[in-house]
Amino acid sequence: MTRQFLAVCMTLVALAVGGCATTYPTASQNDIDALAQAIQKLGPEVDPVEARQAATISYTYSQQLARDWQVTDSAIVHNAKVINGFRERGLCNDWAQAMTQRLRQENFRTLDLHWATSPPTPFRIIHHSALISAKGDSMYDGIILDPWRNSGALHWAPTREDTRYNWRPRLEVREELLNGELAF
């Protein structure tokens, strides 16, 4: 009986320790190459060096933020941790702000950065994300850079193809919320 009890205890300890192991998102060179290619295709004037730099930063900085903010759960669970004071940062607006600020530091000549917002609906909370486009293009012609939805693993897609959210300019949505034009 003692031997069985000890075996059960050791199993529980192993599961607990293994369950505490934290894995953070990683990206392959193929992931970075695919995003760089998509950014390059935003327009003929997009500098391929800038496209590669933006793609590399988007992936590596997303991973760094996930580690810095100790994002180890789904986005919604991590949101609850932030709201309840167990984590300092990691809400979607934190990701959007950090990603936009980091990419702006590069002073791209052929790319523009945007802050996109998907307004709240009866079934979905408000969501923010960084977005990149060719210089002078609309955010609707760009690419969403969203590390929040997959807990630090970068999700990207052309804005018009990311139908999970209704992406719009952040200030436009903010104004509608403040004026009571958006009911949810």
N, C-alpha and C. Protein backbone atom coordinates (compact mmCIF):
# COMPACT_ATOMS: atom_id res chain seq x y z
N MET A 1 0.83 -1.20 0.00
CA MET A 1 0.00 0.00 0.00
C MET A 1 0.87 1.25 0.00
N THR A 2 1.94 1.25 0.81
CA THR A 2 2.83 2.41 0.88
C THR A 2 3.50 2.65 -0.46
N ARG A 3 3.89 1.58 -1.12
CA ARG A 3 4.56 1.70 -2.42
C ARG A 3 3.59 2.28 -3.46
N GLN A 4 2.34 1.85 -3.45
CA GLN A 4 1.35 2.39 -4.37
C GLN A 4 1.07 3.86 -4.07
N PHE A 5 0.96 4.19 -2.79
CA PHE A 5 0.74 5.57 -2.39
C PHE A 5 1.90 6.45 -2.87
N LEU A 6 3.11 5.98 -2.68
CA LEU A 6 4.29 6.73 -3.12
C LEU A 6 4.28 6.89 -4.64
N ALA A 7 3.89 5.86 -5.36
CA ALA A 7 3.83 5.93 -6.82
C ALA A 7 2.79 6.96 -7.27
N VAL A 8 1.64 6.98 -6.61
CA VAL A 8 0.60 7.96 -6.94
C VAL A 8 1.10 9.37 -6.65
N CYS A 9 1.76 9.56 -5.52
CA CYS A 9 2.29 10.89 -5.16
C CYS A 9 3.33 11.36 -6.16
N MET A 10 4.22 10.45 -6.55
CA MET A 10 5.27 10.81 -7.51
C MET A 10 4.65 11.16 -8.87
N THR A 11 3.61 10.44 -9.25
CA THR A 11 2.93 10.74 -10.51
C THR A 11 2.29 12.12 -10.46
N LEU A 12 1.63 12.42 -9.35
CA LEU A 12 1.01 13.74 -9.20
C LEU A 12 2.05 14.85 -9.22
N VAL A 13 3.18 14.65 -8.58
CA VAL A 13 4.25 15.65 -8.59
C VAL A 13 4.77 15.83 -10.01
N ALA A 14 4.99 14.75 -10.72
CA ALA A 14 5.48 14.83 -12.10
C ALA A 14 4.50 15.58 -12.99
N LEU A 15 3.21 15.30 -12.83
CA LEU A 15 2.20 16.00 -13.61
C LEU A 15 2.16 17.48 -13.26
N ALA A 16 2.27 17.79 -11.98
CA ALA A 16 2.26 19.19 -11.55
C ALA A 16 3.46 19.94 -12.10
N VAL A 17 4.63 19.35 -11.99
CA VAL A 17 5.84 20.00 -12.49
C VAL A 17 5.79 20.11 -14.01
N GLY A 18 5.36 19.06 -14.67
CA GLY A 18 5.25 19.10 -16.13
C GLY A 18 4.21 20.10 -16.58
N GLY A 19 3.13 20.23 -15.82
CA GLY A 19 2.09 21.19 -16.14
C GLY A 19 2.55 22.62 -15.94
N CYS A 20 3.58 22.82 -15.14
CA CYS A 20 4.10 24.16 -14.91
C CYS A 20 5.12 24.56 -15.96
N ALA A 21 5.56 23.61 -16.76
CA ALA A 21 6.54 23.94 -17.80
C ALA A 21 5.90 24.91 -18.78
N THR A 22 6.58 25.97 -19.04
CA THR A 22 6.06 27.00 -19.91
C THR A 22 6.70 26.90 -21.28
N THR A 23 5.87 26.86 -22.29
CA THR A 23 6.38 26.91 -23.64
C THR A 23 5.88 28.20 -24.28
N TYR A 24 6.78 28.87 -24.93
CA TYR A 24 6.43 30.12 -25.59
C TYR A 24 6.45 29.90 -27.09
N PRO A 25 5.74 30.75 -27.84
CA PRO A 25 5.67 30.55 -29.28
C PRO A 25 7.04 30.69 -29.95
N THR A 26 7.19 29.95 -31.01
CA THR A 26 8.40 30.06 -31.83
C THR A 26 7.96 30.21 -33.27
N ALA A 27 8.84 30.76 -34.07
CA ALA A 27 8.56 30.93 -35.49
C ALA A 27 9.74 30.39 -36.27
N SER A 28 9.44 29.79 -37.39
CA SER A 28 10.50 29.27 -38.25
C SER A 28 10.90 30.34 -39.26
N GLN A 29 12.00 30.10 -39.92
CA GLN A 29 12.43 31.00 -40.99
C GLN A 29 11.38 31.03 -42.10
N ASN A 30 10.71 29.90 -42.31
CA ASN A 30 9.64 29.84 -43.32
C ASN A 30 8.49 30.78 -42.96
N ASP A 31 8.15 30.86 -41.66
CA ASP A 31 7.10 31.78 -41.22
C ASP A 31 7.48 33.22 -41.54
N ILE A 32 8.71 33.58 -41.19
CA ILE A 32 9.19 34.95 -41.43
C ILE A 32 9.24 35.23 -42.93
N ASP A 33 9.73 34.26 -43.71
CA ASP A 33 9.81 34.43 -45.17
C ASP A 33 8.42 34.65 -45.78
N ALA A 34 7.43 33.89 -45.31
CA ALA A 34 6.08 34.03 -45.85
C ALA A 34 5.50 35.41 -45.57
N LEU A 35 5.69 35.91 -44.35
CA LEU A 35 5.20 37.24 -44.02
C LEU A 35 5.98 38.30 -44.80
N ALA A 36 7.28 38.17 -44.91
CA ALA A 36 8.09 39.14 -45.68
C ALA A 36 7.60 39.19 -47.12
N GLN A 37 7.31 38.04 -47.69
CA GLN A 37 6.82 37.98 -49.06
C GLN A 37 5.46 38.67 -49.18
N ALA A 38 4.58 38.44 -48.22
CA ALA A 38 3.25 39.07 -48.24
C ALA A 38 3.37 40.59 -48.11
N ILE A 39 4.26 41.05 -47.25
CA ILE A 39 4.47 42.50 -47.10
C ILE A 39 5.04 43.06 -48.39
N GLN A 40 5.98 42.38 -48.99
CA GLN A 40 6.59 42.81 -50.26
C GLN A 40 5.53 42.96 -51.34
N LYS A 41 4.54 42.06 -51.33
CA LYS A 41 3.49 42.08 -52.35
C LYS A 41 2.43 43.16 -52.12
N LEU A 42 2.56 43.92 -51.03
CA LEU A 42 1.61 45.00 -50.79
C LEU A 42 1.69 46.08 -51.87
N GLY A 43 2.82 46.16 -52.54
CA GLY A 43 2.95 47.13 -53.62
C GLY A 43 4.34 47.10 -54.22
N PRO A 44 4.46 47.53 -55.45
CA PRO A 44 5.76 47.49 -56.13
C PRO A 44 6.81 48.40 -55.51
N GLU A 45 6.36 49.41 -54.78
CA GLU A 45 7.30 50.35 -54.16
C GLU A 45 7.82 49.88 -52.80
N VAL A 46 7.29 48.78 -52.28
CA VAL A 46 7.73 48.29 -50.97
C VAL A 46 9.15 47.75 -51.09
N ASP A 47 10.02 48.29 -50.27
CA ASP A 47 11.43 47.87 -50.24
C ASP A 47 11.52 46.46 -49.66
N PRO A 48 12.14 45.51 -50.39
CA PRO A 48 12.23 44.14 -49.89
C PRO A 48 13.01 44.04 -48.58
N VAL A 49 13.97 44.92 -48.36
CA VAL A 49 14.72 44.91 -47.10
C VAL A 49 13.80 45.33 -45.95
N GLU A 50 12.97 46.35 -46.20
CA GLU A 50 12.02 46.77 -45.17
C GLU A 50 10.98 45.69 -44.91
N ALA A 51 10.52 45.02 -45.96
CA ALA A 51 9.54 43.95 -45.80
C ALA A 51 10.11 42.84 -44.91
N ARG A 52 11.35 42.45 -45.17
CA ARG A 52 12.01 41.40 -44.38
C ARG A 52 12.18 41.87 -42.93
N GLN A 53 12.62 43.12 -42.76
CA GLN A 53 12.84 43.67 -41.42
C GLN A 53 11.52 43.70 -40.63
N ALA A 54 10.45 44.15 -41.27
CA ALA A 54 9.14 44.22 -40.60
C ALA A 54 8.66 42.82 -40.23
N ALA A 55 8.84 41.85 -41.11
CA ALA A 55 8.41 40.48 -40.83
C ALA A 55 9.21 39.89 -39.67
N THR A 56 10.50 40.09 -39.69
CA THR A 56 11.36 39.55 -38.63
C THR A 56 10.98 40.15 -37.28
N ILE A 57 10.83 41.46 -37.24
CA ILE A 57 10.46 42.13 -35.98
C ILE A 57 9.08 41.66 -35.52
N SER A 58 8.14 41.54 -36.44
CA SER A 58 6.78 41.14 -36.06
C SER A 58 6.78 39.78 -35.35
N TYR A 59 7.54 38.86 -35.87
CA TYR A 59 7.61 37.54 -35.23
C TYR A 59 8.44 37.56 -33.95
N THR A 60 9.63 38.11 -34.01
CA THR A 60 10.52 38.03 -32.85
C THR A 60 10.01 38.89 -31.69
N TYR A 61 9.44 40.04 -31.99
CA TYR A 61 8.95 40.90 -30.91
C TYR A 61 7.70 40.30 -30.27
N SER A 62 6.85 39.65 -31.07
CA SER A 62 5.68 38.96 -30.51
C SER A 62 6.13 37.90 -29.50
N GLN A 63 7.16 37.15 -29.88
CA GLN A 63 7.68 36.12 -28.99
C GLN A 63 8.29 36.73 -27.73
N GLN A 64 9.02 37.81 -27.88
CA GLN A 64 9.62 38.47 -26.73
C GLN A 64 8.55 38.98 -25.77
N LEU A 65 7.51 39.60 -26.30
CA LEU A 65 6.43 40.11 -25.45
C LEU A 65 5.72 38.97 -24.72
N ALA A 66 5.51 37.85 -25.38
CA ALA A 66 4.87 36.70 -24.72
C ALA A 66 5.70 36.27 -23.52
N ARG A 67 7.02 36.25 -23.66
CA ARG A 67 7.89 35.89 -22.52
C ARG A 67 7.86 36.98 -21.45
N ASP A 68 8.02 38.23 -21.87
CA ASP A 68 8.05 39.35 -20.92
C ASP A 68 6.76 39.45 -20.12
N TRP A 69 5.64 39.20 -20.77
CA TRP A 69 4.34 39.32 -20.11
C TRP A 69 3.84 38.00 -19.54
N GLN A 70 4.65 36.97 -19.61
CA GLN A 70 4.33 35.65 -19.07
C GLN A 70 2.98 35.13 -19.58
N VAL A 71 2.81 35.20 -20.89
CA VAL A 71 1.59 34.73 -21.52
C VAL A 71 1.72 33.22 -21.71
N THR A 72 0.99 32.48 -20.89
CA THR A 72 1.08 31.02 -20.90
C THR A 72 -0.28 30.35 -21.12
N ASP A 73 -1.30 31.15 -21.28
CA ASP A 73 -2.66 30.64 -21.44
C ASP A 73 -3.27 31.19 -22.72
N SER A 74 -4.51 30.82 -22.96
CA SER A 74 -5.23 31.39 -24.09
C SER A 74 -5.38 32.90 -23.87
N ALA A 75 -5.67 33.61 -24.93
CA ALA A 75 -5.80 35.07 -24.84
C ALA A 75 -6.86 35.48 -23.82
N ILE A 76 -7.99 34.81 -23.84
CA ILE A 76 -9.08 35.17 -22.92
C ILE A 76 -8.68 34.90 -21.47
N VAL A 77 -8.04 33.77 -21.20
CA VAL A 77 -7.59 33.46 -19.84
C VAL A 77 -6.55 34.48 -19.39
N HIS A 78 -5.62 34.83 -20.29
CA HIS A 78 -4.61 35.82 -19.94
C HIS A 78 -5.27 37.18 -19.66
N ASN A 79 -6.28 37.54 -20.45
CA ASN A 79 -7.03 38.78 -20.18
C ASN A 79 -7.57 38.77 -18.75
N ALA A 80 -8.14 37.65 -18.35
CA ALA A 80 -8.69 37.56 -16.99
C ALA A 80 -7.59 37.75 -15.95
N LYS A 81 -6.41 37.21 -16.22
CA LYS A 81 -5.29 37.39 -15.29
C LYS A 81 -4.89 38.86 -15.19
N VAL A 82 -4.89 39.56 -16.31
CA VAL A 82 -4.54 40.99 -16.30
C VAL A 82 -5.61 41.77 -15.55
N ILE A 83 -6.85 41.53 -15.88
CA ILE A 83 -7.97 42.25 -15.26
C ILE A 83 -8.01 42.03 -13.75
N ASN A 84 -7.62 40.84 -13.31
CA ASN A 84 -7.64 40.52 -11.88
C ASN A 84 -6.31 40.76 -11.19
N GLY A 85 -5.37 41.37 -11.88
CA GLY A 85 -4.11 41.77 -11.26
C GLY A 85 -3.04 40.70 -11.15
N PHE A 86 -3.22 39.56 -11.81
CA PHE A 86 -2.21 38.50 -11.76
C PHE A 86 -1.10 38.70 -12.78
N ARG A 87 -1.37 39.51 -13.80
CA ARG A 87 -0.38 39.88 -14.82
C ARG A 87 -0.53 41.38 -15.06
N GLU A 88 0.58 42.00 -15.43
CA GLU A 88 0.53 43.45 -15.67
C GLU A 88 -0.01 43.81 -17.05
N ARG A 89 0.44 43.07 -18.07
CA ARG A 89 0.09 43.44 -19.44
C ARG A 89 -0.26 42.20 -20.25
N GLY A 90 -0.84 42.45 -21.41
CA GLY A 90 -1.15 41.35 -22.31
C GLY A 90 -2.55 41.42 -22.90
N LEU A 91 -3.29 42.52 -22.62
CA LEU A 91 -4.56 42.71 -23.29
C LEU A 91 -4.29 43.04 -24.76
N CYS A 92 -5.28 42.91 -25.61
CA CYS A 92 -5.04 43.14 -27.04
C CYS A 92 -4.52 44.55 -27.31
N ASN A 93 -5.00 45.54 -26.57
CA ASN A 93 -4.51 46.90 -26.79
C ASN A 93 -3.04 47.04 -26.37
N ASP A 94 -2.59 46.25 -25.39
CA ASP A 94 -1.17 46.25 -25.03
C ASP A 94 -0.33 45.74 -26.19
N TRP A 95 -0.79 44.64 -26.80
CA TRP A 95 -0.08 44.06 -27.95
C TRP A 95 -0.05 45.06 -29.11
N ALA A 96 -1.21 45.67 -29.40
CA ALA A 96 -1.29 46.61 -30.53
C ALA A 96 -0.36 47.80 -30.31
N GLN A 97 -0.38 48.33 -29.10
CA GLN A 97 0.49 49.48 -28.80
C GLN A 97 1.96 49.10 -28.89
N ALA A 98 2.34 48.00 -28.28
CA ALA A 98 3.74 47.59 -28.27
C ALA A 98 4.24 47.28 -29.68
N MET A 99 3.45 46.56 -30.45
CA MET A 99 3.86 46.21 -31.81
C MET A 99 3.97 47.45 -32.69
N THR A 100 2.99 48.34 -32.60
CA THR A 100 3.02 49.55 -33.40
C THR A 100 4.22 50.42 -33.03
N GLN A 101 4.44 50.60 -31.73
CA GLN A 101 5.59 51.41 -31.30
C GLN A 101 6.92 50.80 -31.75
N ARG A 102 7.06 49.49 -31.61
CA ARG A 102 8.32 48.85 -31.99
C ARG A 102 8.58 48.97 -33.48
N LEU A 103 7.56 48.74 -34.28
CA LEU A 103 7.73 48.84 -35.73
C LEU A 103 7.96 50.28 -36.18
N ARG A 104 7.35 51.24 -35.50
CA ARG A 104 7.57 52.67 -35.84
C ARG A 104 9.02 53.08 -35.61
N GLN A 105 9.70 52.44 -34.68
CA GLN A 105 11.10 52.76 -34.41
C GLN A 105 11.98 52.56 -35.64
N GLU A 106 11.54 51.76 -36.58
CA GLU A 106 12.33 51.47 -37.78
C GLU A 106 12.27 52.58 -38.82
N ASN A 107 11.33 53.52 -38.65
CA ASN A 107 11.19 54.64 -39.61
C ASN A 107 11.16 54.15 -41.06
N PHE A 108 10.27 53.21 -41.31
CA PHE A 108 10.15 52.66 -42.66
C PHE A 108 9.82 53.77 -43.66
N ARG A 109 10.45 53.72 -44.81
CA ARG A 109 10.20 54.69 -45.88
C ARG A 109 9.07 54.24 -46.80
N THR A 110 8.90 52.91 -46.92
CA THR A 110 7.95 52.38 -47.91
C THR A 110 6.76 51.66 -47.26
N LEU A 111 6.68 51.71 -45.94
CA LEU A 111 5.59 51.05 -45.22
C LEU A 111 4.95 52.01 -44.23
N ASP A 112 3.66 51.85 -44.00
CA ASP A 112 2.94 52.61 -42.98
C ASP A 112 2.41 51.64 -41.93
N LEU A 113 2.27 52.16 -40.72
CA LEU A 113 1.71 51.37 -39.61
C LEU A 113 0.39 51.98 -39.19
N HIS A 114 -0.53 51.12 -38.81
CA HIS A 114 -1.87 51.54 -38.42
C HIS A 114 -2.25 50.80 -37.14
N TRP A 115 -3.19 51.36 -36.41
CA TRP A 115 -3.80 50.70 -35.26
C TRP A 115 -5.23 50.41 -35.67
N ALA A 116 -5.57 49.15 -35.82
CA ALA A 116 -6.90 48.74 -36.24
C ALA A 116 -7.71 48.28 -35.03
N THR A 117 -9.01 48.52 -35.09
CA THR A 117 -9.91 48.12 -34.02
C THR A 117 -11.13 47.44 -34.62
N SER A 118 -11.55 46.37 -33.99
CA SER A 118 -12.79 45.71 -34.34
C SER A 118 -13.77 46.03 -33.21
N PRO A 119 -14.86 46.75 -33.53
CA PRO A 119 -15.78 47.17 -32.46
C PRO A 119 -16.44 45.99 -31.77
N PRO A 120 -16.91 46.23 -30.56
CA PRO A 120 -17.59 45.15 -29.83
C PRO A 120 -18.92 44.79 -30.50
N THR A 121 -19.30 43.54 -30.32
CA THR A 121 -20.59 43.06 -30.80
C THR A 121 -21.24 42.31 -29.63
N PRO A 122 -22.48 41.90 -29.79
CA PRO A 122 -23.10 41.15 -28.69
C PRO A 122 -22.33 39.87 -28.33
N PHE A 123 -21.56 39.33 -29.27
CA PHE A 123 -20.86 38.07 -29.01
C PHE A 123 -19.34 38.21 -28.95
N ARG A 124 -18.82 39.40 -29.07
CA ARG A 124 -17.37 39.56 -29.11
C ARG A 124 -16.99 40.91 -28.49
N ILE A 125 -15.91 40.89 -27.68
CA ILE A 125 -15.41 42.12 -27.09
C ILE A 125 -14.63 42.92 -28.12
N ILE A 126 -14.37 44.17 -27.83
CA ILE A 126 -13.57 45.02 -28.70
C ILE A 126 -12.18 44.39 -28.86
N HIS A 127 -11.59 44.54 -30.02
CA HIS A 127 -10.27 43.96 -30.27
C HIS A 127 -9.41 44.95 -31.04
N HIS A 128 -8.15 45.06 -30.64
CA HIS A 128 -7.19 45.96 -31.27
C HIS A 128 -6.04 45.16 -31.84
N SER A 129 -5.43 45.70 -32.91
CA SER A 129 -4.26 45.05 -33.48
C SER A 129 -3.43 46.05 -34.27
N ALA A 130 -2.16 45.72 -34.42
CA ALA A 130 -1.29 46.49 -35.31
C ALA A 130 -1.56 46.04 -36.73
N LEU A 131 -1.25 46.91 -37.67
CA LEU A 131 -1.48 46.62 -39.07
C LEU A 131 -0.41 47.31 -39.88
N ILE A 132 0.04 46.70 -40.96
CA ILE A 132 1.08 47.28 -41.82
C ILE A 132 0.55 47.35 -43.24
N SER A 133 0.88 48.45 -43.93
CA SER A 133 0.47 48.61 -45.33
C SER A 133 1.60 49.26 -46.10
N ALA A 134 1.46 49.26 -47.41
CA ALA A 134 2.40 50.01 -48.24
C ALA A 134 2.19 51.50 -47.93
N LYS A 135 3.24 52.27 -48.04
CA LYS A 135 3.19 53.71 -47.75
C LYS A 135 2.04 54.36 -48.52
N GLY A 136 1.19 55.07 -47.77
CA GLY A 136 0.09 55.80 -48.37
C GLY A 136 -1.16 54.99 -48.61
N ASP A 137 -1.10 53.68 -48.43
CA ASP A 137 -2.28 52.84 -48.65
C ASP A 137 -3.19 52.83 -47.42
N SER A 138 -4.41 52.49 -47.66
CA SER A 138 -5.41 52.34 -46.60
C SER A 138 -5.08 51.11 -45.75
N MET A 139 -5.54 51.13 -44.52
CA MET A 139 -5.37 49.96 -43.66
C MET A 139 -6.08 48.73 -44.25
N TYR A 140 -7.10 48.96 -45.05
CA TYR A 140 -7.85 47.86 -45.64
C TYR A 140 -7.05 47.12 -46.71
N ASP A 141 -5.98 47.77 -47.19
CA ASP A 141 -5.10 47.14 -48.18
C ASP A 141 -3.85 46.56 -47.53
N GLY A 142 -3.83 46.53 -46.20
CA GLY A 142 -2.66 46.08 -45.46
C GLY A 142 -2.79 44.67 -44.92
N ILE A 143 -1.95 44.40 -43.93
CA ILE A 143 -1.88 43.08 -43.29
C ILE A 143 -2.01 43.26 -41.79
N ILE A 144 -2.92 42.54 -41.19
CA ILE A 144 -3.09 42.52 -39.74
C ILE A 144 -1.92 41.76 -39.12
N LEU A 145 -1.36 42.31 -38.06
CA LEU A 145 -0.29 41.66 -37.29
C LEU A 145 -0.83 41.47 -35.88
N ASP A 146 -1.39 40.31 -35.60
CA ASP A 146 -2.14 40.08 -34.35
C ASP A 146 -1.53 38.96 -33.51
N PRO A 147 -0.64 39.29 -32.57
CA PRO A 147 -0.10 38.25 -31.69
C PRO A 147 -1.02 37.92 -30.51
N TRP A 148 -2.01 38.75 -30.24
CA TRP A 148 -2.88 38.54 -29.08
C TRP A 148 -3.70 37.26 -29.22
N ARG A 149 -4.35 37.07 -30.36
CA ARG A 149 -5.35 36.00 -30.48
C ARG A 149 -4.78 34.61 -30.27
N ASN A 150 -3.48 34.43 -30.51
CA ASN A 150 -2.85 33.12 -30.30
C ASN A 150 -1.78 33.18 -29.21
N SER A 151 -1.99 34.05 -28.24
CA SER A 151 -1.14 34.12 -27.05
C SER A 151 0.34 34.31 -27.36
N GLY A 152 0.62 35.22 -28.29
CA GLY A 152 2.00 35.53 -28.61
C GLY A 152 2.50 34.92 -29.90
N ALA A 153 1.80 33.92 -30.40
CA ALA A 153 2.15 33.35 -31.71
C ALA A 153 1.49 34.24 -32.76
N LEU A 154 2.29 34.89 -33.56
CA LEU A 154 1.77 35.88 -34.50
C LEU A 154 0.78 35.29 -35.49
N HIS A 155 -0.39 35.90 -35.54
CA HIS A 155 -1.37 35.61 -36.60
C HIS A 155 -1.33 36.81 -37.54
N TRP A 156 -1.19 36.55 -38.81
CA TRP A 156 -1.25 37.64 -39.78
C TRP A 156 -2.12 37.22 -40.95
N ALA A 157 -2.73 38.23 -41.56
CA ALA A 157 -3.58 37.99 -42.72
C ALA A 157 -3.87 39.34 -43.38
N PRO A 158 -4.12 39.33 -44.69
CA PRO A 158 -4.59 40.57 -45.30
C PRO A 158 -5.86 41.03 -44.58
N THR A 159 -5.96 42.31 -44.36
CA THR A 159 -7.08 42.85 -43.57
C THR A 159 -8.42 42.38 -44.09
N ARG A 160 -8.63 42.46 -45.38
CA ARG A 160 -9.95 42.09 -45.96
C ARG A 160 -10.24 40.60 -45.83
N GLU A 161 -9.22 39.78 -45.66
CA GLU A 161 -9.41 38.32 -45.54
C GLU A 161 -9.57 37.86 -44.10
N ASP A 162 -9.30 38.75 -43.15
CA ASP A 162 -9.41 38.38 -41.74
C ASP A 162 -10.85 38.64 -41.28
N THR A 163 -11.75 37.78 -41.72
CA THR A 163 -13.19 38.00 -41.49
C THR A 163 -13.64 37.67 -40.07
N ARG A 164 -12.74 37.16 -39.27
CA ARG A 164 -13.10 36.90 -37.87
C ARG A 164 -13.42 38.20 -37.14
N TYR A 165 -12.80 39.30 -37.60
CA TYR A 165 -13.01 40.61 -36.99
C TYR A 165 -13.42 41.63 -38.05
N ASN A 166 -14.10 42.66 -37.62
CA ASN A 166 -14.54 43.75 -38.49
C ASN A 166 -13.57 44.92 -38.31
N TRP A 167 -12.39 44.84 -38.91
CA TRP A 167 -11.34 45.83 -38.69
C TRP A 167 -11.71 47.18 -39.27
N ARG A 168 -11.49 48.21 -38.42
CA ARG A 168 -11.75 49.60 -38.81
C ARG A 168 -10.68 50.48 -38.17
N PRO A 169 -10.54 51.73 -38.62
CA PRO A 169 -9.58 52.63 -37.97
C PRO A 169 -9.93 52.85 -36.50
N ARG A 170 -8.94 52.78 -35.65
CA ARG A 170 -9.12 52.87 -34.20
C ARG A 170 -9.87 54.14 -33.79
N LEU A 171 -9.46 55.28 -34.31
CA LEU A 171 -10.08 56.55 -33.88
C LEU A 171 -11.53 56.65 -34.32
N GLU A 172 -11.86 56.05 -35.44
CA GLU A 172 -13.25 56.02 -35.91
C GLU A 172 -14.13 55.22 -34.94
N VAL A 173 -13.66 54.06 -34.54
CA VAL A 173 -14.41 53.22 -33.60
C VAL A 173 -14.51 53.92 -32.25
N ARG A 174 -13.41 54.52 -31.81
CA ARG A 174 -13.41 55.23 -30.52
C ARG A 174 -14.46 56.34 -30.50
N GLU A 175 -14.51 57.11 -31.58
CA GLU A 175 -15.47 58.21 -31.68
C GLU A 175 -16.91 57.68 -31.61
N GLU A 176 -17.18 56.60 -32.31
CA GLU A 176 -18.52 56.01 -32.30
C GLU A 176 -18.88 55.48 -30.91
N LEU A 177 -17.92 54.90 -30.22
CA LEU A 177 -18.18 54.42 -28.86
C LEU A 177 -18.49 55.59 -27.92
N LEU A 178 -17.69 56.65 -28.02
CA LEU A 178 -17.89 57.82 -27.16
C LEU A 178 -19.22 58.52 -27.44
N ASN A 179 -19.66 58.53 -28.69
CA ASN A 179 -20.92 59.18 -29.07
C ASN A 179 -22.12 58.26 -28.87
N GLY A 180 -21.90 57.03 -28.44
CA GLY A 180 -22.99 56.10 -28.23
C GLY A 180 -23.58 55.54 -29.52
N GLU A 181 -22.85 55.68 -30.61
CA GLU A 181 -23.34 55.19 -31.90
C GLU A 181 -23.23 53.68 -32.03
N LEU A 182 -22.34 53.07 -31.26
CA LEU A 182 -22.18 51.62 -31.30
C LEU A 182 -22.91 51.01 -30.11
N ALA A 183 -23.92 50.23 -30.42
CA ALA A 183 -24.64 49.53 -29.37
C ALA A 183 -24.18 48.08 -29.36
N PHE A 184 -23.94 47.57 -28.17
CA PHE A 184 -23.55 46.16 -28.07
C PHE A 184 -24.13 45.53 -26.84
